[in-house]
Protein backbone atom coordinates (compact mmCIF):
# COMPACT_ATOMS: atom_id res chain seq x y z
CA MET A 1 -18.96 27.44 -2.39
CA VAL A 2 -16.89 26.70 0.71
CA LYS A 3 -17.44 29.76 2.88
CA ASN A 4 -15.07 29.14 5.75
CA PRO A 5 -11.93 27.18 4.86
CA ALA A 6 -10.71 27.60 8.46
CA VAL A 7 -13.32 25.02 9.50
CA LEU A 8 -11.68 22.54 7.17
CA GLU A 9 -8.17 23.46 8.21
CA ALA A 10 -9.05 22.80 11.86
CA ALA A 11 -9.95 19.22 10.95
CA MET A 12 -6.52 18.64 9.47
CA GLU A 13 -4.23 18.95 12.46
CA PHE A 14 -2.12 15.80 12.40
CA ALA A 15 1.38 14.99 13.64
CA VAL A 16 2.83 13.29 10.57
CA ALA A 17 6.60 13.11 10.90
CA PRO A 18 9.03 12.12 8.15
CA LEU A 19 10.62 8.74 8.70
CA SER A 20 13.72 8.75 10.86
CA ARG A 21 16.66 7.25 8.97
CA ALA A 22 18.55 6.41 12.18
CA LEU A 23 18.31 2.64 11.66
CA GLU A 24 18.87 2.68 7.92
CA ALA A 25 22.51 1.56 7.99
CA GLU A 26 21.77 -1.28 10.40
CA LEU A 27 18.78 -2.44 8.38
CA ARG A 28 20.76 -2.36 5.15
CA ARG A 29 23.54 -4.39 6.74
CA LYS A 30 21.01 -6.97 7.92
CA ILE A 31 19.39 -7.15 4.46
CA ASP A 32 22.75 -7.39 2.68
CA SER A 33 24.04 -10.11 5.04
CA LYS A 34 21.32 -12.57 4.04
CA THR A 35 22.33 -15.63 2.01
CA LYS A 36 21.81 -14.06 -1.42
CA PRO A 37 23.66 -11.81 -3.82
CA LEU A 38 23.30 -8.11 -3.04
CA GLY A 39 19.92 -6.86 -4.22
CA ALA A 40 18.79 -10.29 -5.39
CA LEU A 41 15.38 -9.96 -3.72
CA GLY A 42 14.70 -6.74 -5.58
CA ARG A 43 11.85 -4.65 -4.25
CA LEU A 44 11.30 -7.00 -1.33
CA GLU A 45 14.50 -5.53 0.04
CA SER A 46 13.31 -1.93 -0.26
CA LEU A 47 9.99 -2.94 1.32
CA ALA A 48 11.78 -4.56 4.24
CA LEU A 49 13.82 -1.39 4.69
CA GLN A 50 10.73 0.82 4.58
CA ILE A 51 8.81 -1.32 7.06
CA GLY A 52 11.77 -1.43 9.42
CA LEU A 53 12.10 2.36 9.27
CA ILE A 54 8.39 2.87 9.88
CA GLN A 55 8.47 0.60 12.92
CA GLN A 56 12.00 1.70 13.94
CA THR A 57 13.21 -1.85 14.45
CA GLU A 58 15.45 -4.35 12.70
CA SER A 59 12.81 -7.04 13.34
CA PRO A 60 9.47 -5.60 12.16
CA LYS A 61 6.15 -7.41 12.49
CA LEU A 62 2.82 -7.03 10.73
CA VAL A 63 0.12 -7.08 13.39
CA GLN A 64 -3.67 -7.27 13.01
CA PRO A 65 -3.96 -6.08 9.39
CA GLN A 66 -7.15 -4.19 8.65
CA ILE A 67 -8.99 -2.83 5.65
CA LEU A 68 -11.52 -0.09 6.35
CA LEU A 69 -14.08 -0.01 3.56
CA PHE A 70 -15.91 3.32 3.30
CA ALA A 71 -19.17 3.55 1.38
CA GLY A 72 -20.97 6.68 0.21
CA ASP A 73 -23.25 7.92 -2.53
CA HIS A 74 -22.87 10.84 -4.93
CA GLY A 75 -25.56 13.29 -5.91
CA ALA A 76 -24.10 13.76 -9.39
CA VAL A 77 -25.25 10.25 -10.35
CA VAL A 78 -28.50 11.90 -11.52
CA GLU A 79 -26.45 13.35 -14.39
CA GLY A 80 -25.90 9.88 -15.89
CA ILE A 81 -22.19 9.50 -15.05
CA SER A 82 -22.37 5.80 -14.16
CA ALA A 83 -23.40 2.64 -15.96
CA TYR A 84 -25.03 1.37 -12.76
CA PRO A 85 -27.93 2.76 -10.70
CA GLN A 86 -27.23 4.26 -7.30
CA ASP A 87 -28.96 1.38 -5.49
CA VAL A 88 -25.91 -0.75 -6.29
CA SER A 89 -24.03 1.12 -3.55
CA TRP A 90 -26.18 -0.15 -0.70
CA GLN A 91 -26.64 -3.53 -2.35
CA MET A 92 -22.87 -3.99 -2.49
CA VAL A 93 -22.56 -2.90 1.14
CA HIS A 94 -24.91 -5.75 2.00
CA ASN A 95 -22.73 -8.05 -0.09
CA PHE A 96 -19.66 -6.96 1.88
CA LEU A 97 -21.44 -7.60 5.16
CA THR A 98 -22.49 -11.10 4.14
CA GLY A 99 -19.01 -11.98 2.88
CA GLY A 100 -19.72 -12.39 -0.82
CA ALA A 101 -17.62 -9.67 -2.44
CA ALA A 102 -14.11 -9.83 -3.89
CA ILE A 103 -12.69 -7.93 -0.93
CA ASN A 104 -14.12 -10.56 1.42
CA VAL A 105 -12.57 -13.38 -0.57
CA PHE A 106 -9.12 -11.82 -0.82
CA SER A 107 -9.11 -10.64 2.79
CA ARG A 108 -10.05 -14.08 4.07
CA GLN A 109 -7.27 -15.54 1.96
CA ALA A 110 -4.71 -13.09 3.39
CA GLY A 111 -5.98 -13.02 6.98
CA ILE A 112 -7.06 -9.37 6.92
CA ALA A 113 -10.01 -8.06 8.94
CA VAL A 114 -12.49 -5.90 7.03
CA GLN A 115 -14.62 -3.19 8.63
CA VAL A 116 -17.47 -1.77 6.53
CA ILE A 117 -18.37 1.87 7.22
CA ASP A 118 -21.46 3.75 6.05
CA ALA A 119 -19.96 7.16 5.32
CA GLY A 120 -22.98 8.46 3.45
CA VAL A 121 -24.97 5.81 1.60
CA ASN A 122 -28.39 6.87 0.33
CA HIS A 123 -30.08 4.05 2.23
CA ASP A 124 -31.03 3.16 5.79
CA PHE A 125 -29.68 -0.25 6.76
CA THR A 126 -31.75 -2.54 8.95
CA GLY A 127 -31.54 -6.14 10.08
CA GLU A 128 -28.70 -8.14 11.52
CA ALA A 129 -26.02 -7.31 8.93
CA ILE A 130 -25.48 -3.55 9.08
CA PRO A 131 -22.36 -1.45 8.51
CA ARG A 132 -20.71 0.81 11.05
CA ASN A 133 -23.00 3.84 11.03
CA CYS A 134 -20.92 6.96 10.43
CA LYS A 135 -23.34 8.47 7.92
CA ILE A 136 -22.75 12.16 7.26
CA ALA A 137 -25.82 12.43 5.01
CA HIS A 138 -27.74 10.32 2.52
CA GLY A 139 -25.21 11.00 -0.22
CA THR A 140 -23.52 14.20 -1.30
CA ALA A 141 -25.19 17.00 -3.22
CA ASN A 142 -24.87 17.28 -7.00
CA TYR A 143 -21.56 19.09 -7.58
CA VAL A 144 -22.77 20.27 -10.99
CA ASP A 145 -25.12 22.66 -9.18
CA GLY A 146 -23.10 23.47 -6.04
CA PRO A 147 -20.62 22.01 -3.54
CA ALA A 148 -20.84 18.28 -2.95
CA MET A 149 -20.73 18.91 0.79
CA SER A 150 -20.55 21.77 3.25
CA GLU A 151 -17.32 22.61 5.00
CA ALA A 152 -18.78 21.26 8.24
CA GLN A 153 -19.73 17.97 6.59
CA CYS A 154 -16.30 17.66 5.01
CA ALA A 155 -14.55 18.35 8.31
CA ARG A 156 -16.74 15.84 10.12
CA ALA A 157 -15.98 13.17 7.50
CA VAL A 158 -12.23 13.75 7.78
CA GLU A 159 -12.37 13.60 11.56
CA THR A 160 -14.49 10.42 11.48
CA GLY A 161 -12.04 8.62 9.21
CA ALA A 162 -9.19 9.60 11.49
CA GLN A 163 -11.02 8.39 14.60
CA LEU A 164 -11.75 5.00 13.05
CA VAL A 165 -8.05 4.48 12.36
CA ARG A 166 -7.12 5.57 15.87
CA GLU A 167 -9.47 2.90 17.21
CA CYS A 168 -7.58 0.32 15.14
CA ALA A 169 -4.27 1.61 16.48
CA VAL A 170 -5.44 1.20 20.07
CA LYS A 171 -6.24 -2.45 19.28
CA GLY A 172 -2.73 -3.03 17.94
CA THR A 173 -3.11 -2.72 14.17
CA ASN A 174 0.11 -1.57 12.51
CA VAL A 175 -0.73 -2.26 8.85
CA ILE A 176 -3.86 -0.91 7.20
CA GLY A 177 -5.53 -0.34 3.87
CA PHE A 178 -8.60 1.57 2.72
CA GLY A 179 -11.31 0.54 0.30
CA GLU A 180 -14.41 2.26 -0.99
CA MET A 181 -17.79 1.74 -2.57
CA GLY A 182 -19.95 4.41 -4.13
CA ILE A 183 -21.60 4.57 -7.52
CA GLY A 184 -20.22 7.68 -9.23
CA ASN A 185 -17.03 7.95 -7.22
CA THR A 186 -14.65 7.59 -10.17
CA ALA A 187 -16.07 10.91 -11.38
CA SER A 188 -15.23 12.58 -8.05
CA ALA A 189 -11.74 11.11 -8.17
CA SER A 190 -11.32 12.46 -11.71
CA LEU A 191 -12.27 15.96 -10.59
CA LEU A 192 -9.87 15.77 -7.64
CA LEU A 193 -7.05 14.71 -9.94
CA HIS A 194 -7.91 17.51 -12.35
CA ARG A 195 -8.21 20.29 -9.78
CA VAL A 196 -5.64 19.20 -7.17
CA GLY A 197 -3.16 17.64 -9.55
CA GLY A 198 -3.57 20.07 -12.45
CA VAL A 199 -4.01 17.26 -14.97
CA PRO A 200 -6.15 18.01 -18.06
CA LEU A 201 -9.66 16.71 -17.45
CA ALA A 202 -9.67 14.49 -20.54
CA GLU A 203 -6.72 12.55 -19.08
CA CYS A 204 -8.52 12.06 -15.78
CA VAL A 205 -11.84 10.62 -16.92
CA GLY A 206 -12.29 6.90 -17.48
CA ARG A 207 -15.07 4.40 -18.02
CA GLY A 208 -15.61 3.70 -14.33
CA THR A 209 -18.05 0.82 -13.95
CA GLY A 210 -18.04 0.18 -17.70
CA LEU A 211 -19.43 3.13 -19.63
CA ASP A 212 -19.66 2.78 -23.39
CA ASP A 213 -18.37 5.54 -25.69
CA VAL A 214 -21.60 7.53 -25.45
CA GLY A 215 -21.62 7.26 -21.67
CA LEU A 216 -17.97 8.26 -21.45
CA ALA A 217 -18.61 11.36 -23.55
CA ARG A 218 -21.57 12.28 -21.33
CA LYS A 219 -19.46 11.82 -18.20
CA GLN A 220 -16.74 14.05 -19.66
CA ALA A 221 -19.30 16.75 -20.48
CA VAL A 222 -20.85 16.61 -17.00
CA LEU A 223 -17.44 16.96 -15.33
CA GLU A 224 -16.57 19.88 -17.59
CA ARG A 225 -19.72 21.65 -16.38
CA ALA A 226 -18.87 20.80 -12.78
CA THR A 227 -15.34 22.15 -12.88
CA ALA A 228 -16.41 25.28 -14.78
CA ARG A 229 -18.91 26.06 -12.02
CA ARG A 230 -16.07 26.78 -9.55
CA SER A 231 -13.29 28.53 -11.41
CA GLY A 232 -10.08 29.83 -9.89
CA LEU A 233 -7.59 28.26 -7.53
CA LEU A 234 -8.86 26.05 -4.72
CA THR A 235 -6.98 24.55 -1.84
CA PRO A 236 -6.95 20.74 -1.68
CA LEU A 237 -9.53 20.82 1.13
CA GLU A 238 -11.77 23.25 -0.72
CA THR A 239 -11.59 20.96 -3.74
CA LEU A 240 -12.49 17.97 -1.58
CA ALA A 241 -15.59 19.75 -0.28
CA GLU A 242 -16.60 20.95 -3.73
CA TYR A 243 -16.20 17.68 -5.62
CA GLY A 244 -15.43 14.81 -3.27
CA GLY A 245 -17.52 12.15 -1.62
CA PHE A 246 -18.03 11.35 2.03
CA GLU A 247 -16.16 8.08 1.59
CA ILE A 248 -13.24 9.93 -0.01
CA ALA A 249 -13.15 12.57 2.74
CA MET A 250 -13.12 9.85 5.40
CA MET A 251 -10.19 8.22 3.64
CA VAL A 252 -8.31 11.55 3.73
CA GLY A 253 -8.55 11.55 7.52
CA ALA A 254 -7.84 7.83 7.70
CA PHE A 255 -4.62 8.16 5.69
CA LEU A 256 -3.34 10.93 7.91
CA ALA A 257 -4.23 9.23 11.18
CA ALA A 258 -2.56 6.04 9.97
CA ALA A 259 0.68 7.89 9.25
CA GLU A 260 0.40 9.70 12.58
CA ALA A 261 0.18 6.27 14.27
CA ARG A 262 3.20 5.06 12.25
CA MET A 263 1.25 2.36 10.45
CA LEU A 264 2.28 0.80 7.19
CA ILE A 265 -0.38 1.95 4.70
CA MET A 266 -1.47 -0.15 1.72
CA VAL A 267 -2.77 2.19 -0.99
CA ASP A 268 -5.43 0.74 -3.28
CA GLY A 269 -6.53 2.11 -6.65
CA PHE A 270 -7.95 5.23 -8.28
CA ILE A 271 -10.46 6.35 -5.65
CA ALA A 272 -8.24 5.64 -2.64
CA THR A 273 -5.31 7.36 -4.33
CA SER A 274 -7.42 10.45 -4.98
CA ALA A 275 -7.90 10.75 -1.21
CA LEU A 276 -4.17 10.24 -0.72
CA LEU A 277 -3.45 12.97 -3.28
CA VAL A 278 -5.47 15.46 -1.23
CA ALA A 279 -3.98 14.33 2.09
CA SER A 280 -0.38 14.31 0.85
CA ARG A 281 -0.65 17.89 -0.44
CA LEU A 282 -1.24 18.87 3.19
CA TYR A 283 1.26 16.48 4.80
CA PRO A 284 3.84 15.32 2.24
CA ALA A 285 5.58 13.08 4.80
CA LEU A 286 2.48 10.86 4.65
CA LEU A 287 3.96 9.22 1.55
CA ASP A 288 6.84 7.76 3.61
CA TYR A 289 4.32 5.36 5.17
CA CYS A 290 2.66 4.25 1.94
CA VAL A 291 3.06 1.15 -0.18
CA PHE A 292 1.26 1.45 -3.52
CA ALA A 293 -0.47 -1.86 -4.09
CA HIS A 294 -1.14 -1.73 -7.82
CA ILE A 295 -1.79 0.37 -10.87
CA SER A 296 -5.48 0.43 -11.71
CA GLY A 297 -7.01 -0.11 -15.09
CA GLU A 298 -8.87 3.20 -14.57
CA ALA A 299 -7.51 5.89 -16.89
CA GLY A 300 -6.44 8.53 -14.39
CA HIS A 301 -4.66 6.29 -11.91
CA ARG A 302 -1.37 6.25 -13.82
CA ARG A 303 -1.31 10.06 -13.75
CA MET A 304 -1.97 10.05 -10.01
CA LEU A 305 0.92 7.68 -9.44
CA GLU A 306 3.18 9.86 -11.58
CA LEU A 307 2.25 12.94 -9.54
CA LEU A 308 3.05 11.07 -6.32
CA GLU A 309 6.26 9.59 -7.77
CA ALA A 310 4.91 6.21 -6.72
CA ARG A 311 5.99 2.74 -7.85
CA PRO A 312 3.10 0.28 -7.63
CA LEU A 313 3.87 -3.31 -6.71
CA LEU A 314 1.39 -4.98 -9.07
CA ALA A 315 -0.03 -4.41 -12.54
CA LEU A 316 -2.96 -6.81 -12.79
CA GLU A 317 -5.35 -4.53 -14.71
CA MET A 318 -7.67 -4.49 -11.68
CA ARG A 319 -10.18 -1.64 -11.40
CA LEU A 320 -12.67 -2.88 -8.83
CA GLY A 321 -11.87 -0.77 -5.78
CA GLU A 322 -13.15 -2.08 -2.43
CA GLY A 323 -9.54 -2.30 -1.23
CA THR A 324 -8.97 -5.40 -3.37
CA GLY A 325 -5.55 -4.29 -4.59
CA ALA A 326 -4.42 -3.77 -1.01
CA ALA A 327 -5.60 -7.22 0.01
CA VAL A 328 -3.89 -8.88 -2.94
CA CYS A 329 -0.56 -7.14 -2.25
CA TYR A 330 -0.49 -7.93 1.48
CA PRO A 331 1.26 -11.33 1.10
CA ILE A 332 4.13 -9.50 -0.61
CA LEU A 333 4.57 -7.38 2.50
CA GLN A 334 4.53 -10.55 4.59
CA SER A 335 7.31 -11.94 2.40
CA ALA A 336 9.41 -8.82 2.90
CA VAL A 337 9.13 -9.08 6.67
CA ALA A 338 9.63 -12.85 6.67
CA PHE A 339 12.92 -12.82 4.79
CA LEU A 340 14.27 -10.03 6.99
CA ASN A 341 13.40 -11.89 10.18
CA GLU A 342 13.86 -15.54 9.20
CA MET A 343 16.36 -15.88 6.39
CA ALA A 344 19.84 -16.97 7.48
CA SER A 345 22.84 -14.72 7.15
CA PHE A 346 26.07 -15.85 5.54
CA ALA A 347 27.62 -16.14 9.00
CA ASP A 348 24.68 -18.12 10.43
CA ALA A 349 24.63 -20.60 7.55
CA GLY A 350 28.37 -20.96 7.15
CA VAL A 351 28.11 -19.83 3.52
CA SER A 352 31.02 -17.96 1.97
CA GLU A 353 30.33 -14.39 0.94
CA LYS A 354 31.26 -12.87 -2.41
CA SER A 355 35.02 -12.49 -2.66
CA ASP A 356 36.65 -9.25 -3.72
CA PRO A 357 38.35 -9.35 -7.17
C-alpha cells in the first residue's frame, strides 16, 4: 500500500485559479452584437465566452495546438483483462512515430502537433523513430497483488507530465489535449472511476479493446479482486498509485500544469477523463479550463461525465483513445474563435437589430 501519502501531496502543488469573470459582460456584448439572432450559434457562443475568459481577452487566439500522447503498460494484463497482447502498446507507439495512426491523421488534418511520450512502456525503443523517453519503469506492477506503483513513482510521473506541459507553454502553446496508449488501461480507468467516483464497479467496466462476453466477465472478476485487496477510503492520489498507470499519472500532472498556465484543455475519452477525475478532485477549478471533446463508446465514460457535470461536444461513438476525440473537436474551437473575431456586428454591417415589441 501507499506508505507515505505526503510524498504524493508534495507533487501536487499547483496554482490553479478559478476563471476571472471580469470580462464576461464585455464578451457577452460582443457575442450578442454579431449579425445573428441572440444565441443562434448555440454552444459555439458559450465556447467563445469560455475561451475569452481563459485568455482574458475579447479577441482570443488559438496558438500552437499540441496533443501530448502518453504511453505506458500495465502489469495486470497478465490477468487476461485485454483482448490484445501487451506488445501492441509498443507497436502502436512505433505507429504513432511513423505517422500511421488515427491520431496522426486527424492531427495533420487539424494542424495539431503531436508529441509521443514513453511514460512506462514495457519495451526499449531503438532506431531513428523513438518517443520522448520519460519512462518511469517497464510497466506498472500487477494491482491485483499490490500497488500498481510506489508513491515515489507516482509523484515522479505527475511531476513529469506537468513539466512536459510547461515546456509547451514556454514555446507559446495555449491549447492542448492529452492522449494515451497502453494495453489494459481501460481497466485502470474503471478502477479509478469506481474508487474515486464511488460508482458501482459493474457500471465502470466495459469491453475495452473488444472483449467478448467471457472476456468481459473475466475482466470484471479481476477488478473485483483488485479493489477488494485495498479496502477502506483512499484519497484520489492514493487511488492513482494503487490502480493507475504511468500514462494516467502523467496526464494528472499535465492537466494541472495546463490549467496553471491558463491553457484551453481539450479532454479526450475514458482514459484521459479518468486522469482528469483524479486531478479535479484536488483542484476543482481545473474544470473551468476544460472542453470535453466527446462522449466515448466505453461504458464508464458517461458516468465520468455525469460526475464532472460535463457536456461533451461530440457523440460519434468513438472509443479509440490516443487523443483522437480532442483532435476531431479542435476545428469546432477554431470556429468559436473565428466567429468572435471575424464576424461582423450589426453596426459594422449596417444590419438592423431586432426591434422591441
